[in-house]
PDB file of all heavy atoms in Angstrom:
ATOM      1  N   GLY A   1     -17.841  -9.064 -11.929  1.00  0.00           N
ATOM      2  CA  GLY A   1     -18.634 -10.172 -11.224  1.00  0.00           C
ATOM      3  C   GLY A   1     -18.100 -10.132  -9.840  1.00  0.00           C
ATOM      4  O   GLY A   1     -17.174  -9.461  -9.459  1.00  0.00           O
ATOM      5  N   CYS A   2     -18.763 -10.991  -8.908  1.00  0.00           N
ATOM      6  CA  CYS A   2     -18.263 -11.051  -7.573  1.00  0.00           C
ATOM      7  C   CYS A   2     -18.668 -12.411  -7.032  1.00  0.00           C
ATOM      8  O   CYS A   2     -19.282 -13.216  -7.577  1.00  0.00           O
ATOM      9  CB  CYS A   2     -18.990  -9.972  -6.895  1.00  0.00           C
ATOM     10  SG  CYS A   2     -20.832 -10.158  -6.775  1.00  0.00           S
ATOM     11  N   GLU A   3     -18.015 -12.533  -5.817  1.00  0.00           N
ATOM     12  CA  GLU A   3     -18.380 -13.755  -4.972  1.00  0.00           C
ATOM     13  C   GLU A   3     -18.665 -13.428  -3.611  1.00  0.00           C
ATOM     14  O   GLU A   3     -18.155 -12.355  -3.122  1.00  0.00           O
ATOM     15  CB  GLU A   3     -17.089 -14.784  -5.166  1.00  0.00           C
ATOM     16  CG  GLU A   3     -15.783 -14.229  -4.533  1.00  0.00           C
ATOM     17  CD  GLU A   3     -14.736 -15.202  -4.727  1.00  0.00           C
ATOM     18  OE1 GLU A   3     -14.949 -16.293  -5.200  1.00  0.00           O
ATOM     19  OE2 GLU A   3     -13.574 -14.846  -4.294  1.00  0.00           O
ATOM     20  N   GLU A   4     -19.378 -14.232  -2.938  1.00  0.00           N
ATOM     21  CA  GLU A   4     -19.668 -13.981  -1.602  1.00  0.00           C
ATOM     22  C   GLU A   4     -18.970 -14.961  -0.693  1.00  0.00           C
ATOM     23  O   GLU A   4     -19.088 -16.261  -0.888  1.00  0.00           O
ATOM     24  CB  GLU A   4     -21.237 -14.061  -1.359  1.00  0.00           C
ATOM     25  CG  GLU A   4     -21.955 -12.911  -1.947  1.00  0.00           C
ATOM     26  CD  GLU A   4     -23.411 -13.203  -1.993  1.00  0.00           C
ATOM     27  OE1 GLU A   4     -24.088 -13.450  -0.981  1.00  0.00           O
ATOM     28  OE2 GLU A   4     -23.997 -12.996  -3.100  1.00  0.00           O
ATOM     29  N   VAL A   5     -18.151 -14.481   0.143  1.00  0.00           N
ATOM     30  CA  VAL A   5     -17.447 -15.380   1.016  1.00  0.00           C
ATOM     31  C   VAL A   5     -17.714 -15.003   2.500  1.00  0.00           C
ATOM     32  O   VAL A   5     -17.422 -13.807   2.946  1.00  0.00           O
ATOM     33  CB  VAL A   5     -15.862 -15.270   0.839  1.00  0.00           C
ATOM     34  CG1 VAL A   5     -15.221 -16.287   1.597  1.00  0.00           C
ATOM     35  CG2 VAL A   5     -15.544 -15.483  -0.654  1.00  0.00           C
ATOM     36  N   LYS A   6     -18.356 -15.903   3.253  1.00  0.00           N
ATOM     37  CA  LYS A   6     -18.774 -15.560   4.563  1.00  0.00           C
ATOM     38  C   LYS A   6     -19.492 -14.240   4.832  1.00  0.00           C
ATOM     39  O   LYS A   6     -19.105 -13.384   5.604  1.00  0.00           O
ATOM     40  CB  LYS A   6     -17.544 -15.660   5.606  1.00  0.00           C
ATOM     41  CG  LYS A   6     -16.848 -17.045   5.604  1.00  0.00           C
ATOM     42  CD  LYS A   6     -15.620 -17.064   6.502  1.00  0.00           C
ATOM     43  CE  LYS A   6     -14.853 -18.310   6.374  1.00  0.00           C
ATOM     44  NZ  LYS A   6     -13.465 -18.088   6.617  1.00  0.00           N
ATOM     45  N   GLY A   7     -20.519 -14.063   3.864  1.00  0.00           N
ATOM     46  CA  GLY A   7     -21.139 -12.819   3.929  1.00  0.00           C
ATOM     47  C   GLY A   7     -20.545 -11.575   3.529  1.00  0.00           C
ATOM     48  O   GLY A   7     -21.226 -10.554   3.406  1.00  0.00           O
ATOM     49  N   GLU A   8     -19.160 -11.711   3.060  1.00  0.00           N
ATOM     50  CA  GLU A   8     -18.527 -10.506   2.404  1.00  0.00           C
ATOM     51  C   GLU A   8     -18.621 -10.604   0.951  1.00  0.00           C
ATOM     52  O   GLU A   8     -18.437 -11.748   0.405  1.00  0.00           O
ATOM     53  CB  GLU A   8     -16.981 -10.624   2.942  1.00  0.00           C
ATOM     54  CG  GLU A   8     -16.718 -10.290   4.283  1.00  0.00           C
ATOM     55  CD  GLU A   8     -16.505  -8.747   4.474  1.00  0.00           C
ATOM     56  OE1 GLU A   8     -15.628  -8.306   3.743  1.00  0.00           O
ATOM     57  OE2 GLU A   8     -17.338  -8.144   5.209  1.00  0.00           O
ATOM     58  N   VAL A   9     -18.867  -9.564   0.393  1.00  0.00           N
ATOM     59  CA  VAL A   9     -18.957  -9.561  -1.038  1.00  0.00           C
ATOM     60  C   VAL A   9     -17.629  -9.019  -1.795  1.00  0.00           C
ATOM     61  O   VAL A   9     -17.159  -7.968  -1.180  1.00  0.00           O
ATOM     62  CB  VAL A   9     -20.151  -8.682  -1.652  1.00  0.00           C
ATOM     63  CG1 VAL A   9     -20.097  -8.617  -3.038  1.00  0.00           C
ATOM     64  CG2 VAL A   9     -21.415  -9.348  -1.103  1.00  0.00           C
ATOM     65  N   GLN A  10     -16.974  -9.745  -2.469  1.00  0.00           N
ATOM     66  CA  GLN A  10     -15.773  -9.382  -3.144  1.00  0.00           C
ATOM     67  C   GLN A  10     -15.972  -9.364  -4.767  1.00  0.00           C
ATOM     68  O   GLN A  10     -16.328 -10.356  -5.209  1.00  0.00           O
ATOM     69  CB  GLN A  10     -14.612 -10.275  -2.710  1.00  0.00           C
ATOM     70  CG  GLN A  10     -13.348  -9.765  -2.855  1.00  0.00           C
ATOM     71  CD  GLN A  10     -12.237 -10.660  -2.316  1.00  0.00           C
ATOM     72  OE1 GLN A  10     -12.536 -11.737  -1.778  1.00  0.00           O
ATOM     73  NE2 GLN A  10     -10.973 -10.341  -2.609  1.00  0.00           N
ATOM     74  N   CYS A  11     -15.374  -8.294  -5.332  1.00  0.00           N
ATOM     75  CA  CYS A  11     -15.476  -8.135  -6.748  1.00  0.00           C
ATOM     76  C   CYS A  11     -14.386  -8.988  -7.381  1.00  0.00           C
ATOM     77  O   CYS A  11     -13.351  -9.205  -6.740  1.00  0.00           O
ATOM     78  CB  CYS A  11     -15.323  -6.724  -7.215  1.00  0.00           C
ATOM     79  SG  CYS A  11     -16.648  -5.691  -6.784  1.00  0.00           S
ATOM     80  N   LEU A  12     -14.652  -9.558  -8.527  1.00  0.00           N
ATOM     81  CA  LEU A  12     -13.647 -10.506  -9.297  1.00  0.00           C
ATOM     82  C   LEU A  12     -13.196  -9.845 -10.567  1.00  0.00           C
ATOM     83  O   LEU A  12     -14.003  -9.066 -11.143  1.00  0.00           O
ATOM     84  CB  LEU A  12     -14.254 -11.850  -9.502  1.00  0.00           C
ATOM     85  CG  LEU A  12     -14.749 -12.646  -8.313  1.00  0.00           C
ATOM     86  CD1 LEU A  12     -15.553 -13.832  -8.839  1.00  0.00           C
ATOM     87  CD2 LEU A  12     -13.492 -13.071  -7.385  1.00  0.00           C
ATOM     88  N   CYS A  13     -12.068 -10.244 -10.976  1.00  0.00           N
ATOM     89  CA  CYS A  13     -11.680  -9.862 -12.374  1.00  0.00           C
ATOM     90  C   CYS A  13     -11.629 -11.087 -13.215  1.00  0.00           C
ATOM     91  O   CYS A  13     -11.190 -12.141 -12.732  1.00  0.00           O
ATOM     92  CB  CYS A  13     -10.231  -9.217 -12.271  1.00  0.00           C
ATOM     93  SG  CYS A  13     -10.271  -7.552 -11.470  1.00  0.00           S
ATOM     94  N   PRO A  14     -12.075 -11.036 -14.449  1.00  0.00           N
ATOM     95  CA  PRO A  14     -12.234 -12.205 -15.358  1.00  0.00           C
ATOM     96  C   PRO A  14     -10.845 -12.758 -15.939  1.00  0.00           C
ATOM     97  O   PRO A  14     -10.893 -13.857 -16.602  1.00  0.00           O
ATOM     98  CB  PRO A  14     -13.072 -11.685 -16.622  1.00  0.00           C
ATOM     99  CG  PRO A  14     -12.845 -10.216 -16.597  1.00  0.00           C
ATOM    100  CD  PRO A  14     -12.590  -9.768 -15.179  1.00  0.00           C
ATOM    101  N   SER A  15      -9.723 -12.067 -15.680  1.00  0.00           N
ATOM    102  CA  SER A  15      -8.515 -12.635 -16.170  1.00  0.00           C
ATOM    103  C   SER A  15      -7.428 -12.403 -15.228  1.00  0.00           C
ATOM    104  O   SER A  15      -7.347 -11.477 -14.424  1.00  0.00           O
ATOM    105  CB  SER A  15      -8.192 -12.144 -17.600  1.00  0.00           C
ATOM    106  OG  SER A  15      -6.889 -11.572 -17.656  1.00  0.00           O
ATOM    107  N   GLY A  16      -6.362 -13.261 -15.250  1.00  0.00           N
ATOM    108  CA  GLY A  16      -5.145 -13.075 -14.418  1.00  0.00           C
ATOM    109  C   GLY A  16      -4.355 -11.782 -14.796  1.00  0.00           C
ATOM    110  O   GLY A  16      -3.498 -11.379 -13.999  1.00  0.00           O
ATOM    111  N   GLY A  17      -4.566 -11.406 -16.039  1.00  0.00           N
ATOM    112  CA  GLY A  17      -3.934 -10.090 -16.424  1.00  0.00           C
ATOM    113  C   GLY A  17      -4.641  -8.821 -16.002  1.00  0.00           C
ATOM    114  O   GLY A  17      -4.214  -7.760 -16.381  1.00  0.00           O
ATOM    115  N   LEU A  18      -5.540  -8.989 -15.126  1.00  0.00           N
ATOM    116  CA  LEU A  18      -6.347  -7.797 -14.559  1.00  0.00           C
ATOM    117  C   LEU A  18      -6.273  -7.828 -13.096  1.00  0.00           C
ATOM    118  O   LEU A  18      -6.180  -8.960 -12.423  1.00  0.00           O
ATOM    119  CB  LEU A  18      -7.801  -7.782 -15.011  1.00  0.00           C
ATOM    120  CG  LEU A  18      -8.089  -7.743 -16.496  1.00  0.00           C
ATOM    121  CD1 LEU A  18      -9.611  -8.054 -16.831  1.00  0.00           C
ATOM    122  CD2 LEU A  18      -7.656  -6.402 -17.227  1.00  0.00           C
ATOM    123  N   GLN A  19      -6.382  -6.690 -12.462  1.00  0.00           N
ATOM    124  CA  GLN A  19      -6.379  -6.637 -11.002  1.00  0.00           C
ATOM    125  C   GLN A  19      -7.488  -5.617 -10.559  1.00  0.00           C
ATOM    126  O   GLN A  19      -7.649  -4.819 -11.275  1.00  0.00           O
ATOM    127  CB  GLN A  19      -5.008  -6.195 -10.427  1.00  0.00           C
ATOM    128  CG  GLN A  19      -4.459  -4.887 -10.798  1.00  0.00           C
ATOM    129  CD  GLN A  19      -3.088  -4.656 -10.380  1.00  0.00           C
ATOM    130  OE1 GLN A  19      -2.321  -5.538 -10.047  1.00  0.00           O
ATOM    131  NE2 GLN A  19      -2.658  -3.414 -10.510  1.00  0.00           N
ATOM    132  N   LEU A  20      -7.914  -5.880  -9.363  1.00  0.00           N
ATOM    133  CA  LEU A  20      -8.912  -4.881  -8.775  1.00  0.00           C
ATOM    134  C   LEU A  20      -8.312  -3.433  -8.576  1.00  0.00           C
ATOM    135  O   LEU A  20      -7.278  -3.418  -8.088  1.00  0.00           O
ATOM    136  CB  LEU A  20      -9.519  -5.386  -7.553  1.00  0.00           C
ATOM    137  CG  LEU A  20     -10.672  -6.369  -7.519  1.00  0.00           C
ATOM    138  CD1 LEU A  20     -11.068  -6.738  -6.132  1.00  0.00           C
ATOM    139  CD2 LEU A  20     -11.805  -5.769  -8.383  1.00  0.00           C
ATOM    140  N   GLY A  21      -9.023  -2.497  -9.074  1.00  0.00           N
ATOM    141  CA  GLY A  21      -8.523  -1.082  -8.878  1.00  0.00           C
ATOM    142  C   GLY A  21      -8.689  -0.626  -7.517  1.00  0.00           C
ATOM    143  O   GLY A  21      -9.308  -1.376  -6.619  1.00  0.00           O
ATOM    144  N   PRO A  22      -8.253   0.600  -7.231  1.00  0.00           N
ATOM    145  CA  PRO A  22      -8.381   1.082  -5.816  1.00  0.00           C
ATOM    146  C   PRO A  22      -9.711   1.154  -5.247  1.00  0.00           C
ATOM    147  O   PRO A  22      -9.907   1.013  -4.083  1.00  0.00           O
ATOM    148  CB  PRO A  22      -7.765   2.577  -6.029  1.00  0.00           C
ATOM    149  CG  PRO A  22      -6.970   2.550  -7.288  1.00  0.00           C
ATOM    150  CD  PRO A  22      -7.587   1.505  -8.113  1.00  0.00           C
ATOM    151  N   ASN A  23     -10.746   1.201  -6.159  1.00  0.00           N
ATOM    152  CA  ASN A  23     -12.162   1.322  -5.613  1.00  0.00           C
ATOM    153  C   ASN A  23     -12.655  -0.024  -5.367  1.00  0.00           C
ATOM    154  O   ASN A  23     -13.808  -0.159  -4.790  1.00  0.00           O
ATOM    155  CB  ASN A  23     -12.973   2.071  -6.606  1.00  0.00           C
ATOM    156  CG  ASN A  23     -13.193   1.319  -7.888  1.00  0.00           C
ATOM    157  OD1 ASN A  23     -12.698   0.234  -8.131  1.00  0.00           O
ATOM    158  ND2 ASN A  23     -13.803   1.895  -8.978  1.00  0.00           N
ATOM    159  N   GLY A  24     -11.998  -1.122  -5.605  1.00  0.00           N
ATOM    160  CA  GLY A  24     -12.413  -2.494  -5.213  1.00  0.00           C
ATOM    161  C   GLY A  24     -13.541  -3.095  -6.127  1.00  0.00           C
ATOM    162  O   GLY A  24     -14.071  -4.017  -5.860  1.00  0.00           O
ATOM    163  N   ARG A  25     -13.903  -2.231  -7.178  1.00  0.00           N
ATOM    164  CA  ARG A  25     -15.038  -2.662  -7.998  1.00  0.00           C
ATOM    165  C   ARG A  25     -14.620  -2.795  -9.477  1.00  0.00           C
ATOM    166  O   ARG A  25     -15.140  -3.637 -10.245  1.00  0.00           O
ATOM    167  CB  ARG A  25     -16.218  -1.628  -8.001  1.00  0.00           C
ATOM    168  CG  ARG A  25     -16.837  -1.562  -6.505  1.00  0.00           C
ATOM    169  CD  ARG A  25     -18.288  -0.820  -6.725  1.00  0.00           C
ATOM    170  NE  ARG A  25     -18.082   0.512  -7.320  1.00  0.00           N
ATOM    171  CZ  ARG A  25     -17.925   1.571  -6.733  1.00  0.00           C
ATOM    172  NH1 ARG A  25     -17.671   1.598  -5.298  1.00  0.00           N
ATOM    173  NH2 ARG A  25     -17.874   2.897  -7.355  1.00  0.00           N
ATOM    174  N   THR A  26     -13.742  -2.012 -10.034  1.00  0.00           N
ATOM    175  CA  THR A  26     -13.332  -2.047 -11.377  1.00  0.00           C
ATOM    176  C   THR A  26     -12.164  -2.785 -11.514  1.00  0.00           C
ATOM    177  O   THR A  26     -11.216  -2.741 -10.533  1.00  0.00           O
ATOM    178  CB  THR A  26     -13.273  -0.654 -12.008  1.00  0.00           C
ATOM    179  OG1 THR A  26     -12.418   0.155 -11.259  1.00  0.00           O
ATOM    180  CG2 THR A  26     -14.614   0.040 -12.049  1.00  0.00           C
ATOM    181  N   CYS A  27     -11.898  -3.348 -12.658  1.00  0.00           N
ATOM    182  CA  CYS A  27     -10.561  -4.019 -12.938  1.00  0.00           C
ATOM    183  C   CYS A  27      -9.642  -3.231 -13.819  1.00  0.00           C
ATOM    184  O   CYS A  27     -10.080  -2.639 -14.799  1.00  0.00           O
ATOM    185  CB  CYS A  27     -10.959  -5.423 -13.671  1.00  0.00           C
ATOM    186  SG  CYS A  27     -11.829  -6.482 -12.517  1.00  0.00           S
ATOM    187  N   ILE A  28      -8.378  -3.145 -13.461  1.00  0.00           N
ATOM    188  CA  ILE A  28      -7.365  -2.464 -14.166  1.00  0.00           C
ATOM    189  C   ILE A  28      -6.394  -3.431 -14.787  1.00  0.00           C
ATOM    190  O   ILE A  28      -6.159  -4.479 -14.224  1.00  0.00           O
ATOM    191  CB  ILE A  28      -6.739  -1.321 -13.419  1.00  0.00           C
ATOM    192  CG1 ILE A  28      -6.130  -1.754 -12.150  1.00  0.00           C
ATOM    193  CG2 ILE A  28      -7.683  -0.157 -13.163  1.00  0.00           C
ATOM    194  CD1 ILE A  28      -5.311  -0.832 -11.322  1.00  0.00           C
ATOM    195  N   ASP A  29      -5.819  -3.092 -15.953  1.00  0.00           N
ATOM    196  CA  ASP A  29      -4.828  -3.912 -16.642  1.00  0.00           C
ATOM    197  C   ASP A  29      -3.546  -3.958 -15.958  1.00  0.00           C
ATOM    198  O   ASP A  29      -3.070  -3.000 -15.415  1.00  0.00           O
ATOM    199  CB  ASP A  29      -4.662  -3.336 -18.093  1.00  0.00           C
ATOM    200  CG  ASP A  29      -3.641  -4.112 -18.871  1.00  0.00           C
ATOM    201  OD1 ASP A  29      -3.889  -5.365 -18.925  1.00  0.00           O
ATOM    202  OD2 ASP A  29      -2.723  -3.560 -19.477  1.00  0.00           O
ATOM    203  N   ILE A  30      -3.005  -5.142 -15.935  1.00  0.00           N
ATOM    204  CA  ILE A  30      -1.638  -5.422 -15.481  1.00  0.00           C
ATOM    205  C   ILE A  30      -0.622  -5.372 -16.729  1.00  0.00           C
ATOM    206  O   ILE A  30      -0.943  -6.220 -17.562  1.00  0.00           O
ATOM    207  CB  ILE A  30      -1.428  -6.684 -14.731  1.00  0.00           C
ATOM    208  CG1 ILE A  30      -2.305  -6.743 -13.434  1.00  0.00           C
ATOM    209  CG2 ILE A  30       0.074  -6.910 -14.299  1.00  0.00           C
ATOM    210  CD1 ILE A  30      -2.331  -8.070 -12.875  1.00  0.00           C
ATOM    211  N   ASP A  31       0.246  -4.482 -16.730  1.00  0.00           N
ATOM    212  CA  ASP A  31       1.148  -4.498 -17.920  1.00  0.00           C
ATOM    213  C   ASP A  31       2.202  -5.460 -17.671  1.00  0.00           C
ATOM    214  O   ASP A  31       3.264  -5.289 -17.083  1.00  0.00           O
ATOM    215  CB  ASP A  31       1.691  -3.029 -18.130  1.00  0.00           C
ATOM    216  CG  ASP A  31       2.621  -2.945 -19.377  1.00  0.00           C
ATOM    217  OD1 ASP A  31       2.982  -3.914 -19.968  1.00  0.00           O
ATOM    218  OD2 ASP A  31       2.804  -1.696 -19.822  1.00  0.00           O
ATOM    219  N   GLU A  32       2.082  -6.728 -18.297  1.00  0.00           N
ATOM    220  CA  GLU A  32       2.993  -7.831 -18.105  1.00  0.00           C
ATOM    221  C   GLU A  32       4.323  -7.494 -18.656  1.00  0.00           C
ATOM    222  O   GLU A  32       5.350  -7.923 -18.254  1.00  0.00           O
ATOM    223  CB  GLU A  32       2.459  -9.085 -18.699  1.00  0.00           C
ATOM    224  CG  GLU A  32       1.230  -9.716 -18.123  1.00  0.00           C
ATOM    225  CD  GLU A  32      -0.049  -9.194 -18.610  1.00  0.00           C
ATOM    226  OE1 GLU A  32      -0.028  -8.140 -19.402  1.00  0.00           O
ATOM    227  OE2 GLU A  32      -1.197  -9.722 -18.354  1.00  0.00           O
ATOM    228  N   CYS A  33       4.340  -6.656 -19.700  1.00  0.00           N
ATOM    229  CA  CYS A  33       5.679  -6.321 -20.462  1.00  0.00           C
ATOM    230  C   CYS A  33       6.474  -5.347 -19.507  1.00  0.00           C
ATOM    231  O   CYS A  33       7.744  -5.685 -19.457  1.00  0.00           O
ATOM    232  CB  CYS A  33       5.331  -5.525 -21.719  1.00  0.00           C
ATOM    233  SG  CYS A  33       4.244  -6.405 -22.890  1.00  0.00           S
ATOM    234  N   SER A  34       5.960  -4.542 -18.812  1.00  0.00           N
ATOM    235  CA  SER A  34       6.784  -3.714 -17.990  1.00  0.00           C
ATOM    236  C   SER A  34       7.102  -4.251 -16.598  1.00  0.00           C
ATOM    237  O   SER A  34       7.966  -4.003 -15.906  1.00  0.00           O
ATOM    238  CB  SER A  34       6.209  -2.289 -17.758  1.00  0.00           C
ATOM    239  OG  SER A  34       4.922  -2.335 -17.191  1.00  0.00           O
ATOM    240  N   THR A  35       6.212  -5.181 -16.106  1.00  0.00           N
ATOM    241  CA  THR A  35       6.382  -5.749 -14.846  1.00  0.00           C
ATOM    242  C   THR A  35       7.363  -7.058 -14.927  1.00  0.00           C
ATOM    243  O   THR A  35       7.726  -7.573 -13.856  1.00  0.00           O
ATOM    244  CB  THR A  35       5.053  -6.220 -14.139  1.00  0.00           C
ATOM    245  OG1 THR A  35       4.306  -7.196 -15.134  1.00  0.00           O
ATOM    246  CG2 THR A  35       4.211  -5.125 -13.756  1.00  0.00           C
ATOM    247  N   GLY A  36       7.596  -7.497 -16.093  1.00  0.00           N
ATOM    248  CA  GLY A  36       8.532  -8.618 -16.318  1.00  0.00           C
ATOM    249  C   GLY A  36       7.815  -9.882 -16.131  1.00  0.00           C
ATOM    250  O   GLY A  36       8.457 -10.994 -16.086  1.00  0.00           O
ATOM    251  N   LYS A  37       6.529  -9.939 -16.110  1.00  0.00           N
ATOM    252  CA  LYS A  37       5.816 -11.154 -15.878  1.00  0.00           C
ATOM    253  C   LYS A  37       5.550 -11.896 -17.220  1.00  0.00           C
ATOM    254  O   LYS A  37       5.261 -13.154 -17.167  1.00  0.00           O
ATOM    255  CB  LYS A  37       4.376 -10.904 -15.306  1.00  0.00           C
ATOM    256  CG  LYS A  37       4.408 -10.711 -13.839  1.00  0.00           C
ATOM    257  CD  LYS A  37       3.004 -10.678 -13.348  1.00  0.00           C
ATOM    258  CE  LYS A  37       2.949 -10.406 -11.775  1.00  0.00           C
ATOM    259  NZ  LYS A  37       1.803  -9.738 -11.311  1.00  0.00           N
ATOM    260  N   ALA A  38       5.777 -11.160 -18.309  1.00  0.00           N
ATOM    261  CA  ALA A  38       5.644 -11.834 -19.628  1.00  0.00           C
ATOM    262  C   ALA A  38       6.800 -12.669 -19.933  1.00  0.00           C
ATOM    263  O   ALA A  38       7.968 -12.421 -19.600  1.00  0.00           O
ATOM    264  CB  ALA A  38       5.560 -10.696 -20.749  1.00  0.00           C
ATOM    265  N   LEU A  39       6.409 -13.832 -20.653  1.00  0.00           N
ATOM    266  CA  LEU A  39       7.598 -14.740 -20.991  1.00  0.00           C
ATOM    267  C   LEU A  39       7.562 -14.712 -22.612  1.00  0.00           C
ATOM    268  O   LEU A  39       6.727 -15.309 -23.115  1.00  0.00           O
ATOM    269  CB  LEU A  39       7.295 -16.087 -20.430  1.00  0.00           C
ATOM    270  CG  LEU A  39       7.296 -16.342 -18.925  1.00  0.00           C
ATOM    271  CD1 LEU A  39       6.852 -17.613 -18.580  1.00  0.00           C
ATOM    272  CD2 LEU A  39       8.849 -16.142 -18.439  1.00  0.00           C
TER     273      LEU A  39
END
């Protein structure tokens, strides 16, 4: 999905555990276990 902010189109990821990939269009998984974000 995406949102338009001041004429700029930005892709979105549906969950906080995902981040935009290098291409700015697809979402890649954040490994919470290895980044230490997991509680």
